[in-house]
């Protein structure tokens, strides 16, 4: 199965926006993209049903005729870790549940794009982290890092955790979350001195909900040949 699991150094670092951009780029090449965010927390009620907003963005980006329940079968209301949110809702999730959710509906030749919840070692289910899911699925990992002061430590810790688990890091994506940026800060250059994986720095983009910013396209496209 070809695909990619997207995770980050933390929550709120732009995993979904990067994932949606990649889904659009891959779909534009005529490849069926099956997006999965098996667990999403912090979901709001919409006509009595919890709506996973991140999963909806991925669904729209992939352009596939798949239901939101297929993309995200386990939405939860509490804004806590996925494991805790499930327990608060009276549900016990296992690694097998998540693997099944990710693989259901994925055919040979499809590209499976999975987004975790939280960071690389965030608990997803009982005794299961995002890294465990990546290993069970046999997928390379894309690590999204907020491009700001202090991110080097978090990025290096996560890449060491990937290596320790035998997981391949397809690339490190530095995502600039604010327009202001210290002139002397060059996290891409610094990370490249420590790691051998491709390091991609994405400029700040204010509007990315339904398109891929032009200056993101060549940067993200550069990692696709190793995945498709």
C-alpha atoms as a PDB file:
ATOM      1  CA  UNK A   1       0.000   0.000   0.000  1.00  0.00           C
ATOM      2  CA  UNK A   2       1.474   3.339  -0.995  1.00  0.00           C
ATOM      3  CA  UNK A   3       0.762   6.275   1.219  1.00  0.00           C
ATOM      4  CA  UNK A   4       1.910   8.628   3.925  1.00  0.00           C
ATOM      5  CA  UNK A   5       1.110   9.371   7.538  1.00  0.00           C
ATOM      6  CA  UNK A   6       1.204  13.016   8.553  1.00  0.00           C
ATOM      7  CA  UNK A   7       2.039  13.934  12.112  1.00  0.00           C
ATOM      8  CA  UNK A   8       3.631  16.841  13.916  1.00  0.00           C
ATOM      9  CA  UNK A   9       5.709  17.895  16.856  1.00  0.00           C
ATOM     10  CA  UNK A  10       2.558  19.125  18.598  1.00  0.00           C
ATOM     11  CA  UNK A  11      -1.086  19.931  18.062  1.00  0.00           C
ATOM     12  CA  UNK A  12      -2.021  23.026  16.076  1.00  0.00           C
ATOM     13  CA  UNK A  13       1.076  23.002  13.866  1.00  0.00           C
ATOM     14  CA  UNK A  14      -0.756  22.820  10.524  1.00  0.00           C
ATOM     15  CA  UNK A  15      -0.924  19.076   9.840  1.00  0.00           C
ATOM     16  CA  UNK A  16      -4.335  19.341   8.200  1.00  0.00           C
ATOM     17  CA  UNK A  17      -3.459  22.255   5.926  1.00  0.00           C
ATOM     18  CA  UNK A  18      -0.295  20.512   4.771  1.00  0.00           C
ATOM     19  CA  UNK A  19      -2.193  17.239   4.354  1.00  0.00           C
ATOM     20  CA  UNK A  20      -4.964  18.912   2.357  1.00  0.00           C
ATOM     21  CA  UNK A  21      -2.403  20.582   0.086  1.00  0.00           C
ATOM     22  CA  UNK A  22      -0.693  17.243  -0.548  1.00  0.00           C
ATOM     23  CA  UNK A  23      -4.040  15.558  -1.232  1.00  0.00           C
ATOM     24  CA  UNK A  24      -4.842  18.175  -3.876  1.00  0.00           C
ATOM     25  CA  UNK A  25      -1.428  17.820  -5.529  1.00  0.00           C
ATOM     26  CA  UNK A  26      -1.675  14.023  -5.668  1.00  0.00           C
ATOM     27  CA  UNK A  27      -5.285  14.020  -6.884  1.00  0.00           C
ATOM     28  CA  UNK A  28      -4.302  16.474  -9.642  1.00  0.00           C
ATOM     29  CA  UNK A  29      -2.023  13.730 -11.004  1.00  0.00           C
ATOM     30  CA  UNK A  30      -5.012  11.458 -11.537  1.00  0.00           C
ATOM     31  CA  UNK A  31      -4.350   9.304  -8.483  1.00  0.00           C
ATOM     32  CA  UNK A  32      -7.192   8.299  -6.179  1.00  0.00           C
ATOM     33  CA  UNK A  33      -6.373   9.736  -2.756  1.00  0.00           C
ATOM     34  CA  UNK A  34      -8.015   8.099   0.239  1.00  0.00           C
ATOM     35  CA  UNK A  35      -7.721  10.463   3.175  1.00  0.00           C
ATOM     36  CA  UNK A  36      -8.152   9.175   6.699  1.00  0.00           C
ATOM     37  CA  UNK A  37      -8.158  10.915  10.048  1.00  0.00           C
ATOM     38  CA  UNK A  38      -9.410   7.965  12.068  1.00  0.00           C
ATOM     39  CA  UNK A  39      -9.785   9.918  15.309  1.00  0.00           C
ATOM     40  CA  UNK A  40     -10.555  13.614  15.751  1.00  0.00           C
ATOM     41  CA  UNK A  41     -11.206  15.414  19.014  1.00  0.00           C
ATOM     42  CA  UNK A  42     -12.728  18.808  19.737  1.00  0.00           C
ATOM     43  CA  UNK A  43     -15.599  18.163  17.317  1.00  0.00           C
ATOM     44  CA  UNK A  44     -18.722  20.329  17.460  1.00  0.00           C
ATOM     45  CA  UNK A  45     -22.292  19.129  17.119  1.00  0.00           C
ATOM     46  CA  UNK A  46     -23.992  19.734  13.783  1.00  0.00           C
ATOM     47  CA  UNK A  47     -27.696  18.849  13.857  1.00  0.00           C
ATOM     48  CA  UNK A  48     -27.071  16.360  16.627  1.00  0.00           C
ATOM     49  CA  UNK A  49     -24.056  14.728  15.004  1.00  0.00           C
ATOM     50  CA  UNK A  50     -20.411  15.459  15.759  1.00  0.00           C
ATOM     51  CA  UNK A  51     -18.644  17.017  12.771  1.00  0.00           C
ATOM     52  CA  UNK A  52     -14.852  16.538  12.492  1.00  0.00           C
ATOM     53  CA  UNK A  53     -13.738  19.797  10.860  1.00  0.00           C
ATOM     54  CA  UNK A  54     -10.198  18.694   9.987  1.00  0.00           C
ATOM     55  CA  UNK A  55     -11.447  15.493   8.396  1.00  0.00           C
ATOM     56  CA  UNK A  56     -13.942  17.525   6.362  1.00  0.00           C
ATOM     57  CA  UNK A  57     -11.107  19.669   4.978  1.00  0.00           C
ATOM     58  CA  UNK A  58      -9.179  16.552   3.985  1.00  0.00           C
ATOM     59  CA  UNK A  59     -12.299  15.039   2.420  1.00  0.00           C
ATOM     60  CA  UNK A  60     -12.862  18.134   0.278  1.00  0.00           C
ATOM     61  CA  UNK A  61      -9.206  18.283  -0.757  1.00  0.00           C
ATOM     62  CA  UNK A  62      -9.124  14.655  -1.901  1.00  0.00           C
ATOM     63  CA  UNK A  63     -12.210  15.143  -4.062  1.00  0.00           C
ATOM     64  CA  UNK A  64     -13.210  11.514  -3.546  1.00  0.00           C
ATOM     65  CA  UNK A  65     -16.771  10.287  -3.170  1.00  0.00           C
ATOM     66  CA  UNK A  66     -16.289   9.020   0.355  1.00  0.00           C
ATOM     67  CA  UNK A  67     -18.457   9.840   3.333  1.00  0.00           C
ATOM     68  CA  UNK A  68     -17.127  11.870   6.231  1.00  0.00           C
ATOM     69  CA  UNK A  69     -17.783   8.853   8.440  1.00  0.00           C
ATOM     70  CA  UNK A  70     -15.358   6.856   6.290  1.00  0.00           C
ATOM     71  CA  UNK A  71     -12.706   9.551   6.522  1.00  0.00           C
ATOM     72  CA  UNK A  72     -13.175   9.916  10.285  1.00  0.00           C
ATOM     73  CA  UNK A  73     -15.150   7.109  11.921  1.00  0.00           C
ATOM     74  CA  UNK A  74     -14.281   8.185  15.470  1.00  0.00           C
ATOM     75  CA  UNK A  75     -15.109  11.856  16.157  1.00  0.00           C
ATOM     76  CA  UNK A  76     -15.184  12.975  19.794  1.00  0.00           C
ATOM     77  CA  UNK A  77     -16.322  16.165  21.481  1.00  0.00           C
ATOM     78  CA  UNK A  78     -13.748  16.603  24.258  1.00  0.00           C
ATOM     79  CA  UNK A  79     -10.684  18.668  23.389  1.00  0.00           C
ATOM     80  CA  UNK A  80      -8.172  16.282  24.944  1.00  0.00           C
ATOM     81  CA  UNK A  81      -5.989  13.431  23.698  1.00  0.00           C
ATOM     82  CA  UNK A  82      -7.750  10.958  21.437  1.00  0.00           C
ATOM     83  CA  UNK A  83      -7.339   8.155  23.943  1.00  0.00           C
ATOM     84  CA  UNK A  84      -8.893  10.211  26.762  1.00  0.00           C
ATOM     85  CA  UNK A  85     -11.654  11.596  24.549  1.00  0.00           C
ATOM     86  CA  UNK A  86     -12.685   8.049  23.637  1.00  0.00           C
ATOM     87  CA  UNK A  87     -12.750   6.982  27.264  1.00  0.00           C
ATOM     88  CA  UNK A  88     -14.793  10.046  28.229  1.00  0.00           C
ATOM     89  CA  UNK A  89     -17.286   9.057  25.535  1.00  0.00           C
ATOM     90  CA  UNK A  90     -17.461   5.509  26.866  1.00  0.00           C
ATOM     91  CA  UNK A  91     -15.522   4.031  23.941  1.00  0.00           C
ATOM     92  CA  UNK A  92     -12.437   1.833  24.010  1.00  0.00           C
ATOM     93  CA  UNK A  93     -10.354   2.089  20.858  1.00  0.00           C
ATOM     94  CA  UNK A  94      -7.583  -0.317  19.901  1.00  0.00           C
ATOM     95  CA  UNK A  95      -4.791  -0.207  17.349  1.00  0.00           C
ATOM     96  CA  UNK A  96      -6.706  -2.785  15.296  1.00  0.00           C
ATOM     97  CA  UNK A  97      -9.724  -0.457  15.209  1.00  0.00           C
ATOM     98  CA  UNK A  98      -7.612   2.365  13.807  1.00  0.00           C
ATOM     99  CA  UNK A  99      -5.798   0.201  11.264  1.00  0.00           C
ATOM    100  CA  UNK A 100      -9.120  -1.153  10.010  1.00  0.00           C
ATOM    101  CA  UNK A 101     -10.534   2.376   9.767  1.00  0.00           C
ATOM    102  CA  UNK A 102      -7.563   3.505   7.683  1.00  0.00           C
ATOM    103  CA  UNK A 103      -7.554   0.535   5.310  1.00  0.00           C
ATOM    104  CA  UNK A 104     -11.294   0.205   4.714  1.00  0.00           C
ATOM    105  CA  UNK A 105     -12.196   1.288   1.200  1.00  0.00           C
ATOM    106  CA  UNK A 106      -8.593   1.597   0.004  1.00  0.00           C
ATOM    107  CA  UNK A 107      -7.933  -0.306  -3.225  1.00  0.00           C
ATOM    108  CA  UNK A 108      -4.708  -1.305  -4.922  1.00  0.00           C
ATOM    109  CA  UNK A 109      -3.352   1.720  -6.746  1.00  0.00           C
ATOM    110  CA  UNK A 110      -4.922   4.213  -4.322  1.00  0.00           C
ATOM    111  CA  UNK A 111      -2.808   6.548  -2.230  1.00  0.00           C
ATOM    112  CA  UNK A 112      -3.577   6.385   1.487  1.00  0.00           C
ATOM    113  CA  UNK A 113      -3.049   9.710   3.269  1.00  0.00           C
ATOM    114  CA  UNK A 114      -3.482   9.411   7.032  1.00  0.00           C
ATOM    115  CA  UNK A 115      -3.404  12.252   9.543  1.00  0.00           C
ATOM    116  CA  UNK A 116      -2.819  11.540  13.192  1.00  0.00           C
ATOM    117  CA  UNK A 117      -4.185  13.510  16.122  1.00  0.00           C
ATOM    118  CA  UNK A 118      -1.732  15.622  18.088  1.00  0.00           C
ATOM    119  CA  UNK A 119       1.980  14.900  17.896  1.00  0.00           C
ATOM    120  CA  UNK A 120       4.009  11.829  17.018  1.00  0.00           C
ATOM    121  CA  UNK A 121       3.753  10.190  20.441  1.00  0.00           C
ATOM    122  CA  UNK A 122       0.274  11.445  21.307  1.00  0.00           C
ATOM    123  CA  UNK A 123      -2.002   8.632  22.575  1.00  0.00           C
ATOM    124  CA  UNK A 124      -4.525   7.630  19.900  1.00  0.00           C
ATOM    125  CA  UNK A 125      -6.046   4.529  21.488  1.00  0.00           C
ATOM    126  CA  UNK A 126      -5.388   2.099  24.307  1.00  0.00           C
ATOM    127  CA  UNK A 127      -1.583   1.773  24.547  1.00  0.00           C
ATOM    128  CA  UNK A 128      -1.322   3.158  21.014  1.00  0.00           C
ATOM    129  CA  UNK A 129       0.416   6.311  19.801  1.00  0.00           C
ATOM    130  CA  UNK A 130       0.474   7.952  16.374  1.00  0.00           C
ATOM    131  CA  UNK A 131       3.869   6.323  15.805  1.00  0.00           C
ATOM    132  CA  UNK A 132       2.362   2.909  16.532  1.00  0.00           C
ATOM    133  CA  UNK A 133      -0.289   3.498  13.884  1.00  0.00           C
ATOM    134  CA  UNK A 134       2.338   4.483  11.303  1.00  0.00           C
ATOM    135  CA  UNK A 135       4.285   1.313  12.018  1.00  0.00           C
ATOM    136  CA  UNK A 136       1.180  -0.901  11.863  1.00  0.00           C
ATOM    137  CA  UNK A 137       0.212   0.602   8.505  1.00  0.00           C
ATOM    138  CA  UNK A 138       3.767   0.409   7.184  1.00  0.00           C
ATOM    139  CA  UNK A 139       3.694   4.033   6.060  1.00  0.00           C
ATOM    140  CA  UNK A 140       6.468   6.612   5.870  1.00  0.00           C
ATOM    141  CA  UNK A 141       5.953   9.672   8.053  1.00  0.00           C
ATOM    142  CA  UNK A 142       5.811  13.353   7.185  1.00  0.00           C
ATOM    143  CA  UNK A 143       6.709  15.473  10.210  1.00  0.00           C
ATOM    144  CA  UNK A 144       5.142  18.944  10.361  1.00  0.00           C
ATOM    145  CA  UNK A 145       7.024  21.420  12.552  1.00  0.00           C
ATOM    146  CA  UNK A 146       6.003  25.000  13.384  1.00  0.00           C
ATOM    147  CA  UNK A 147       8.700  27.276  11.969  1.00  0.00           C
ATOM    148  CA  UNK A 148       9.499  29.277  15.083  1.00  0.00           C
ATOM    149  CA  UNK A 149      12.120  29.680  17.770  1.00  0.00           C
ATOM    150  CA  UNK A 150      12.441  26.486  19.826  1.00  0.00           C
ATOM    151  CA  UNK A 151      11.265  24.065  17.143  1.00  0.00           C
ATOM    152  CA  UNK A 152      14.677  22.477  16.577  1.00  0.00           C
ATOM    153  CA  UNK A 153      14.575  20.568  19.849  1.00  0.00           C
ATOM    154  CA  UNK A 154      11.078  19.252  19.156  1.00  0.00           C
ATOM    155  CA  UNK A 155      11.929  18.277  15.583  1.00  0.00           C
ATOM    156  CA  UNK A 156      15.098  16.435  16.578  1.00  0.00           C
ATOM    157  CA  UNK A 157      13.336  14.598  19.398  1.00  0.00           C
ATOM    158  CA  UNK A 158      10.630  13.416  17.013  1.00  0.00           C
ATOM    159  CA  UNK A 159      13.051  12.310  14.317  1.00  0.00           C
ATOM    160  CA  UNK A 160      15.048  10.347  16.893  1.00  0.00           C
ATOM    161  CA  UNK A 161      11.800   8.693  18.010  1.00  0.00           C
ATOM    162  CA  UNK A 162      11.050   7.759  14.392  1.00  0.00           C
ATOM    163  CA  UNK A 163      14.491   6.215  13.924  1.00  0.00           C
ATOM    164  CA  UNK A 164      14.195   4.293  17.200  1.00  0.00           C
ATOM    165  CA  UNK A 165      10.948   2.723  15.937  1.00  0.00           C
ATOM    166  CA  UNK A 166      12.267   1.853  12.504  1.00  0.00           C
ATOM    167  CA  UNK A 167      10.021   4.382  10.780  1.00  0.00           C
ATOM    168  CA  UNK A 168      11.055   6.277   7.656  1.00  0.00           C
ATOM    169  CA  UNK A 169      10.742  10.034   7.741  1.00  0.00           C
ATOM    170  CA  UNK A 170       9.764  11.093   4.227  1.00  0.00           C
ATOM    171  CA  UNK A 171      10.415  14.764   4.969  1.00  0.00           C
ATOM    172  CA  UNK A 172      10.340  17.445   7.616  1.00  0.00           C
ATOM    173  CA  UNK A 173       8.007  20.327   6.761  1.00  0.00           C
ATOM    174  CA  UNK A 174       8.592  23.628   8.522  1.00  0.00           C
ATOM    175  CA  UNK A 175       5.270  25.453   8.521  1.00  0.00           C
ATOM    176  CA  UNK A 176       5.378  29.186   9.199  1.00  0.00           C
ATOM    177  CA  UNK A 177       2.261  29.997  11.216  1.00  0.00           C
ATOM    178  CA  UNK A 178       2.679  33.781  11.463  1.00  0.00           C
ATOM    179  CA  UNK A 179       3.748  36.428   8.939  1.00  0.00           C
ATOM    180  CA  UNK A 180       6.371  37.921  11.269  1.00  0.00           C
ATOM    181  CA  UNK A 181       9.622  35.958  11.381  1.00  0.00           C
ATOM    182  CA  UNK A 182      12.986  36.840  12.978  1.00  0.00           C
ATOM    183  CA  UNK A 183      15.457  37.753  10.239  1.00  0.00           C
ATOM    184  CA  UNK A 184      18.285  35.670  11.704  1.00  0.00           C
ATOM    185  CA  UNK A 185      16.169  32.524  12.165  1.00  0.00           C
ATOM    186  CA  UNK A 186      16.794  29.782   9.582  1.00  0.00           C
ATOM    187  CA  UNK A 187      15.440  26.554  11.007  1.00  0.00           C
ATOM    188  CA  UNK A 188      15.575  24.793   7.634  1.00  0.00           C
ATOM    189  CA  UNK A 189      19.310  25.340   7.351  1.00  0.00           C
ATOM    190  CA  UNK A 190      19.882  24.328  10.974  1.00  0.00           C
ATOM    191  CA  UNK A 191      17.814  21.134  10.693  1.00  0.00           C
ATOM    192  CA  UNK A 192      19.565  20.186   7.460  1.00  0.00           C
ATOM    193  CA  UNK A 193      22.861  20.193   9.345  1.00  0.00           C
ATOM    194  CA  UNK A 194      21.513  17.569  11.750  1.00  0.00           C
ATOM    195  CA  UNK A 195      19.220  15.420   9.609  1.00  0.00           C
ATOM    196  CA  UNK A 196      19.501  13.755   6.200  1.00  0.00           C
ATOM    197  CA  UNK A 197      15.771  13.818   5.378  1.00  0.00           C
ATOM    198  CA  UNK A 198      14.487  16.535   3.039  1.00  0.00           C
ATOM    199  CA  UNK A 199      13.641  19.707   4.986  1.00  0.00           C
ATOM    200  CA  UNK A 200      10.984  21.875   3.369  1.00  0.00           C
ATOM    201  CA  UNK A 201      10.195  25.391   4.575  1.00  0.00           C
ATOM    202  CA  UNK A 202       6.708  26.652   3.713  1.00  0.00           C
ATOM    203  CA  UNK A 203       6.142  30.423   3.658  1.00  0.00           C
ATOM    204  CA  UNK A 204       3.289  31.896   5.645  1.00  0.00           C
ATOM    205  CA  UNK A 205      -0.021  31.581   3.813  1.00  0.00           C
ATOM    206  CA  UNK A 206      -3.175  33.251   5.107  1.00  0.00           C
ATOM    207  CA  UNK A 207      -5.762  31.506   2.902  1.00  0.00           C
ATOM    208  CA  UNK A 208      -5.230  27.807   2.297  1.00  0.00           C
ATOM    209  CA  UNK A 209      -8.611  26.197   2.941  1.00  0.00           C
ATOM    210  CA  UNK A 210      -9.572  25.373  -0.653  1.00  0.00           C
ATOM    211  CA  UNK A 211      -6.386  25.748  -2.677  1.00  0.00           C
ATOM    212  CA  UNK A 212      -2.650  25.139  -2.645  1.00  0.00           C
ATOM    213  CA  UNK A 213      -0.636  28.365  -2.338  1.00  0.00           C
ATOM    214  CA  UNK A 214       1.533  28.865  -5.414  1.00  0.00           C
ATOM    215  CA  UNK A 215       4.758  29.089  -3.421  1.00  0.00           C
ATOM    216  CA  UNK A 216       3.877  25.826  -1.632  1.00  0.00           C
ATOM    217  CA  UNK A 217       3.381  23.812  -4.813  1.00  0.00           C
ATOM    218  CA  UNK A 218       6.977  23.185  -5.938  1.00  0.00           C
ATOM    219  CA  UNK A 219       8.171  22.649  -2.364  1.00  0.00           C
ATOM    220  CA  UNK A 220       5.585  20.002  -1.504  1.00  0.00           C
ATOM    221  CA  UNK A 221       5.737  18.457  -4.969  1.00  0.00           C
ATOM    222  CA  UNK A 222       9.448  17.819  -4.454  1.00  0.00           C
ATOM    223  CA  UNK A 223       8.705  15.004  -1.994  1.00  0.00           C
ATOM    224  CA  UNK A 224       6.105  13.229  -4.164  1.00  0.00           C
ATOM    225  CA  UNK A 225       8.483  11.252  -6.444  1.00  0.00           C
ATOM    226  CA  UNK A 226       9.637   9.245  -3.430  1.00  0.00           C
ATOM    227  CA  UNK A 227       6.058   8.412  -2.468  1.00  0.00           C
ATOM    228  CA  UNK A 228       4.123   7.811  -5.707  1.00  0.00           C
END
